[in-house]
Every structure is written in structure tokens, then in C-alpha cells.
C-alpha atoms as a PDB file:
ATOM      1  CA  MET A   1       0.000   0.000   0.000  1.00  0.00           C
ATOM      2  CA  ILE A   2       1.258   3.449  -0.940  1.00  0.00           C
ATOM      3  CA  HIS A   3       0.667   6.375   1.424  1.00  0.00           C
ATOM      4  CA  VAL A   4      -0.086   9.696  -0.272  1.00  0.00           C
ATOM      5  CA  HIS A   5      -0.207  13.094   1.433  1.00  0.00           C
ATOM      6  CA  LEU A   6      -2.211  15.749  -0.394  1.00  0.00           C
ATOM      7  CA  PRO A   7      -2.405  19.497   0.211  1.00  0.00           C
ATOM      8  CA  ALA A   8      -5.422  20.697   2.181  1.00  0.00           C
ATOM      9  CA  HIS A   9      -7.259  22.193  -0.797  1.00  0.00           C
ATOM     10  CA  LEU A  10      -7.142  18.880  -2.716  1.00  0.00           C
ATOM     11  CA  ARG A  11      -8.249  16.924   0.363  1.00  0.00           C
ATOM     12  CA  THR A  12     -11.178  19.329   0.724  1.00  0.00           C
ATOM     13  CA  LEU A  13     -12.085  18.997  -2.957  1.00  0.00           C
ATOM     14  CA  ALA A  14     -12.049  15.186  -2.760  1.00  0.00           C
ATOM     15  CA  ARG A  15     -13.592  15.110   0.742  1.00  0.00           C
ATOM     16  CA  ILE A  16     -10.605  13.243   2.159  1.00  0.00           C
ATOM     17  CA  GLU A  17      -9.552  13.426   5.785  1.00  0.00           C
ATOM     18  CA  GLY A  18      -5.878  12.775   6.387  1.00  0.00           C
ATOM     19  CA  GLU A  19      -3.609  10.523   4.404  1.00  0.00           C
ATOM     20  CA  VAL A  20      -4.704   8.412   1.431  1.00  0.00           C
ATOM     21  CA  THR A  21      -3.616   4.782   1.239  1.00  0.00           C
ATOM     22  CA  LEU A  22      -3.724   3.199  -2.209  1.00  0.00           C
ATOM     23  CA  PRO A  23      -2.963  -0.232  -3.614  1.00  0.00           C
ATOM     24  CA  VAL A  24      -0.552   0.261  -6.500  1.00  0.00           C
ATOM     25  CA  GLY A  25       0.866  -2.597  -8.533  1.00  0.00           C
ATOM     26  CA  GLU A  26       4.471  -2.854  -9.665  1.00  0.00           C
ATOM     27  CA  PRO A  27       6.197  -0.900 -10.940  1.00  0.00           C
ATOM     28  CA  VAL A  28       5.367   1.822  -8.429  1.00  0.00           C
ATOM     29  CA  THR A  29       5.911   5.074 -10.305  1.00  0.00           C
ATOM     30  CA  GLN A  30       4.557   8.613 -10.112  1.00  0.00           C
ATOM     31  CA  ARG A  31       2.225   7.794 -12.998  1.00  0.00           C
ATOM     32  CA  ALA A  32       0.944   4.605 -11.315  1.00  0.00           C
ATOM     33  CA  VAL A  33       0.310   6.401  -8.009  1.00  0.00           C
ATOM     34  CA  LEU A  34      -1.485   9.316  -9.692  1.00  0.00           C
ATOM     35  CA  ASP A  35      -3.506   6.925 -11.866  1.00  0.00           C
ATOM     36  CA  ALA A  36      -4.654   5.056  -8.730  1.00  0.00           C
ATOM     37  CA  LEU A  37      -5.395   8.328  -6.917  1.00  0.00           C
ATOM     38  CA  GLU A  38      -7.475   9.705  -9.797  1.00  0.00           C
ATOM     39  CA  ALA A  39      -9.303   6.386 -10.215  1.00  0.00           C
ATOM     40  CA  ARG A  40     -10.374   6.471  -6.565  1.00  0.00           C
ATOM     41  CA  TYR A  41     -11.072  10.219  -6.510  1.00  0.00           C
ATOM     42  CA  PRO A  42     -12.145  11.236 -10.044  1.00  0.00           C
ATOM     43  CA  VAL A  43     -12.735  14.829  -8.895  1.00  0.00           C
ATOM     44  CA  LEU A  44      -8.931  15.181  -8.698  1.00  0.00           C
ATOM     45  CA  ARG A  45      -8.467  14.530 -12.433  1.00  0.00           C
ATOM     46  CA  GLY A  46      -6.811  17.569 -13.951  1.00  0.00           C
ATOM     47  CA  THR A  47      -5.846  19.140 -10.624  1.00  0.00           C
ATOM     48  CA  ILE A  48      -2.423  17.533 -10.186  1.00  0.00           C
ATOM     49  CA  ARG A  49      -1.537  16.898 -13.817  1.00  0.00           C
ATOM     50  CA  ASP A  50      -2.921  17.935 -17.170  1.00  0.00           C
ATOM     51  CA  GLN A  51      -5.561  15.472 -18.382  1.00  0.00           C
ATOM     52  CA  VAL A  52      -4.385  15.559 -22.004  1.00  0.00           C
ATOM     53  CA  THR A  53      -0.585  15.596 -21.679  1.00  0.00           C
ATOM     54  CA  GLY A  54      -0.282  13.921 -18.273  1.00  0.00           C
ATOM     55  CA  LYS A  55       2.323  16.514 -17.263  1.00  0.00           C
ATOM     56  CA  ARG A  56       2.546  17.819 -13.716  1.00  0.00           C
ATOM     57  CA  ARG A  57       0.810  21.158 -13.146  1.00  0.00           C
ATOM     58  CA  ALA A  58       3.248  24.067 -12.803  1.00  0.00           C
ATOM     59  CA  PHE A  59       2.561  24.775  -9.122  1.00  0.00           C
ATOM     60  CA  VAL A  60       2.489  21.168  -7.941  1.00  0.00           C
ATOM     61  CA  ARG A  61       5.580  19.385  -6.647  1.00  0.00           C
ATOM     62  CA  PHE A  62       6.257  15.751  -5.699  1.00  0.00           C
ATOM     63  CA  PHE A  63       8.477  14.697  -2.807  1.00  0.00           C
ATOM     64  CA  ALA A  64       9.479  11.431  -1.152  1.00  0.00           C
ATOM     65  CA  CYS A  65      12.264  10.513   1.244  1.00  0.00           C
ATOM     66  CA  GLU A  66      13.330  14.165   1.505  1.00  0.00           C
ATOM     67  CA  GLU A  67      13.907  14.307  -2.268  1.00  0.00           C
ATOM     68  CA  ASP A  68      12.218  16.541  -4.835  1.00  0.00           C
ATOM     69  CA  LEU A  69      10.913  14.127  -7.465  1.00  0.00           C
ATOM     70  CA  SER A  70       9.069  16.793  -9.458  1.00  0.00           C
ATOM     71  CA  HIS A  71      11.392  16.634 -12.452  1.00  0.00           C
ATOM     72  CA  GLU A  72      11.812  12.860 -12.503  1.00  0.00           C
ATOM     73  CA  GLU A  73      10.285  10.925 -15.386  1.00  0.00           C
ATOM     74  CA  PRO A  74       6.699   9.852 -14.566  1.00  0.00           C
ATOM     75  CA  ASP A  75       7.596   6.196 -15.169  1.00  0.00           C
ATOM     76  CA  SER A  76      10.743   6.144 -13.022  1.00  0.00           C
ATOM     77  CA  PRO A  77      10.381   3.837 -10.012  1.00  0.00           C
ATOM     78  CA  LEU A  78       9.699   5.605  -6.726  1.00  0.00           C
ATOM     79  CA  PRO A  79      12.129   5.073  -3.827  1.00  0.00           C
ATOM     80  CA  GLU A  80      11.963   1.668  -2.143  1.00  0.00           C
ATOM     81  CA  GLU A  81      10.738   3.199   1.139  1.00  0.00           C
ATOM     82  CA  VAL A  82       7.660   4.532  -0.692  1.00  0.00           C
ATOM     83  CA  ARG A  83       7.073   1.227  -2.504  1.00  0.00           C
ATOM     84  CA  LEU A  84       7.211  -0.594   0.842  1.00  0.00           C
ATOM     85  CA  GLY A  85       4.821   1.866   2.505  1.00  0.00           C
ATOM     86  CA  LYS A  86       7.449   3.110   4.965  1.00  0.00           C
ATOM     87  CA  GLU A  87       7.515   6.668   3.578  1.00  0.00           C
ATOM     88  CA  PRO A  88       4.701   8.708   1.976  1.00  0.00           C
ATOM     89  CA  PHE A  89       4.541  10.162  -1.500  1.00  0.00           C
ATOM     90  CA  LEU A  90       3.915  13.879  -0.983  1.00  0.00           C
ATOM     91  CA  VAL A  91       1.951  16.070  -3.386  1.00  0.00           C
ATOM     92  CA  VAL A  92       2.738  19.665  -2.447  1.00  0.00           C
ATOM     93  CA  GLY A  93       1.355  22.948  -3.720  1.00  0.00           C
ATOM     94  CA  ALA A  94       4.369  25.075  -4.663  1.00  0.00           C
ATOM     95  CA  MET A  95       4.775  28.636  -3.411  1.00  0.00           C
ATOM     96  CA  ALA A  96       5.471  31.436  -5.865  1.00  0.00           C
ATOM     97  CA  GLY A  97       6.107  35.116  -5.671  1.00  0.00           C
ATOM     98  CA  GLY A  98       8.573  37.278  -3.942  1.00  0.00           C
END
């Protein structure tokens, strides 16, 4: 089971309280996790990544194991700690401005 932390506004939109736990088959990748998340919560489609291109939205970042995974390929395997359910996959709303 993969643990996913979402920002408050996406939890509110999907009516989720706390962390999301999802079954994700191998290989566990960003794409596989987001596919499982959007399948369970269809209201999130298009909020984290573009529905047509599948690319991450500009002000959304992905983190796991204290690493910024935002620029990794969507089909790259996630860290082993995430795959084993020991560490969460974090979806974070980026800050902008000065």
C-alpha cells in the first residue's frame, strides 16, 4: 500500500480526511500512483496533472524521502521506502512570488 499526502485544498475537494492509502501494482511510479489516486477520486483529475498531456501542473511538486521528485520521469520507479509503505509520496502545492 502506498501512502499519499495531499495538500489541504485537494483533500477538501475530494472530501478526504488525512492521508490516502492506495494499492498500487508494480512498478510503483509517479504515474501509477497518480492513476490510482485519480481512479479512486475522479474529482482530482486535472488538478495535479494535465488530463491531455499527463504533465505535472506548474505549481504542484512531488516529494518522497526528503527528495524533490518533481522533475523525474513519470515512469521512473519511486524510492523503495515509498514502494514498501514506509515513507509517503507527498503532493505539495508550490509557493510562488517574492
